[in-house]
C-alpha atoms as a PDB file:
ATOM      1  CA  MET A   1      94.210  89.336  97.989  1.00  0.00           C
ATOM      2  CA  LYS A   2      90.921  90.951  98.924  1.00  0.00           C
ATOM      3  CA  ILE A   3      90.402  93.889 101.255  1.00  0.00           C
ATOM      4  CA  LYS A   4      87.001  94.592 102.788  1.00  0.00           C
ATOM      5  CA  TYR A   5      86.223  97.646 104.911  1.00  0.00           C
ATOM      6  CA  PHE A   6      83.119  97.701 107.089  1.00  0.00           C
ATOM      7  CA  THR A   7      82.184 101.326 107.736  1.00  0.00           C
ATOM      8  CA  ASP A   8      79.637 100.530 110.446  1.00  0.00           C
ATOM      9  CA  THR A   9      82.302  98.933 112.678  1.00  0.00           C
ATOM     10  CA  ASP A  10      85.468 100.615 111.304  1.00  0.00           C
ATOM     11  CA  THR A  11      86.880  97.152 110.668  1.00  0.00           C
ATOM     12  CA  ALA A  12      89.173  96.048 107.835  1.00  0.00           C
ATOM     13  CA  ASN A  13      89.532  92.443 106.732  1.00  0.00           C
ATOM     14  CA  LEU A  14      92.458  91.463 104.520  1.00  0.00           C
ATOM     15  CA  GLU A  15      91.992  88.069 102.887  1.00  0.00           C
ATOM     16  CA  PHE A  16      95.180  86.407 101.664  1.00  0.00           C
ATOM     17  CA  SER A  17      93.823  82.975 100.750  1.00  0.00           C
ATOM     18  CA  ASP A  18      90.596  80.993 100.732  1.00  0.00           C
ATOM     19  CA  LYS A  19      91.985  78.097 102.790  1.00  0.00           C
ATOM     20  CA  PRO A  20      90.025  77.018 105.875  1.00  0.00           C
ATOM     21  CA  VAL A  21      91.011  78.761 109.108  1.00  0.00           C
ATOM     22  CA  SER A  22      92.554  76.458 111.680  1.00  0.00           C
ATOM     23  CA  GLU A  23      93.572  78.997 114.335  1.00  0.00           C
ATOM     24  CA  THR A  24      92.988  82.660 115.229  1.00  0.00           C
ATOM     25  CA  ARG A  25      95.679  84.589 117.085  1.00  0.00           C
ATOM     26  CA  GLU A  26      95.296  87.947 118.797  1.00  0.00           C
ATOM     27  CA  ILE A  27      98.273  90.161 117.960  1.00  0.00           C
ATOM     28  CA  ASN A  28      96.952  92.989 120.132  1.00  0.00           C
ATOM     29  CA  GLU A  29      93.527  94.283 121.148  1.00  0.00           C
ATOM     30  CA  ASN A  30      92.874  95.557 117.598  1.00  0.00           C
ATOM     31  CA  ILE A  31      94.565  93.019 115.310  1.00  0.00           C
ATOM     32  CA  TYR A  32      93.739  89.356 114.779  1.00  0.00           C
ATOM     33  CA  ILE A  33      95.225  86.901 112.310  1.00  0.00           C
ATOM     34  CA  ASP A  34      93.742  83.658 111.032  1.00  0.00           C
ATOM     35  CA  LEU A  35      96.077  80.810 110.102  1.00  0.00           C
ATOM     36  CA  ASP A  36      95.545  77.621 108.116  1.00  0.00           C
ATOM     37  CA  GLU A  37      96.559  74.181 109.393  1.00  0.00           C
ATOM     38  CA  ASP A  38     100.149  74.744 108.150  1.00  0.00           C
ATOM     39  CA  GLY A  39     100.485  78.076 109.975  1.00  0.00           C
ATOM     40  CA  ASN A  40     100.116  80.202 106.835  1.00  0.00           C
ATOM     41  CA  LEU A  41      98.285  83.522 106.978  1.00  0.00           C
ATOM     42  CA  VAL A  42      94.691  83.352 105.709  1.00  0.00           C
ATOM     43  CA  ASN A  43      93.101  86.589 107.029  1.00  0.00           C
ATOM     44  CA  MET A  44      93.965  89.646 109.072  1.00  0.00           C
ATOM     45  CA  THR A  45      91.290  91.653 110.873  1.00  0.00           C
ATOM     46  CA  ILE A  46      91.990  95.203 112.036  1.00  0.00           C
ATOM     47  CA  GLU A  47      89.552  96.872 114.421  1.00  0.00           C
ATOM     48  CA  HIS A  48      89.436 100.715 114.499  1.00  0.00           C
ATOM     49  CA  ALA A  49      91.087 100.539 111.089  1.00  0.00           C
ATOM     50  CA  LYS A  50      91.033 104.231 110.189  1.00  0.00           C
ATOM     51  CA  ALA A  51      92.750 105.287 113.416  1.00  0.00           C
ATOM     52  CA  LYS A  52      95.008 102.276 114.020  1.00  0.00           C
ATOM     53  CA  ALA A  53      96.023 101.332 110.478  1.00  0.00           C
ATOM     54  CA  GLY A  54      95.817 104.601 108.575  1.00  0.00           C
ATOM     55  CA  LEU A  55      93.111 103.172 106.338  1.00  0.00           C
ATOM     56  CA  ALA A  56      91.950 106.615 105.259  1.00  0.00           C
ATOM     57  CA  GLU A  57      94.621 106.381 102.564  1.00  0.00           C
ATOM     58  CA  PHE A  58      95.417 103.105 100.839  1.00  0.00           C
ATOM     59  CA  SER A  59      97.678 102.410  97.888  1.00  0.00           C
ATOM     60  CA  TYR A  60      99.195  99.369  96.229  1.00  0.00           C
ATOM     61  CA  GLN A  61     102.504  99.265  94.428  1.00  0.00           C
ATOM     62  CA  GLU A  62     104.218  96.285  92.851  1.00  0.00           C
ATOM     63  CA  VAL A  63     107.975  96.693  92.825  1.00  0.00           C
ATOM     64  CA  LYS A  64     109.904  94.592  90.336  1.00  0.00           C
ATOM     65  CA  ASN A  65     113.424  93.402  90.943  1.00  0.00           C
ATOM     66  CA  LYS A  66     115.840  95.424  88.806  1.00  0.00           C
ATOM     67  CA  ALA A  67     118.532  92.754  88.759  1.00  0.00           C
ATOM     68  CA  ALA A  68     121.197  93.185  86.138  1.00  0.00           C
END
């Protein structure tokens, strides 16, 4: 996964795979998703990312299953 933030447009792009985009869907006026030919998520674009997605603070945490 790659995350790119464009300061000049306050836009975040989250890349989940490098597959070709087959379709773009508008979730709302600030969020767009790109899907591959099988309907899997390829990219997500968030406009006004600092205000709408709380991008000022970002963290990543991997949580492992603590199965007995």
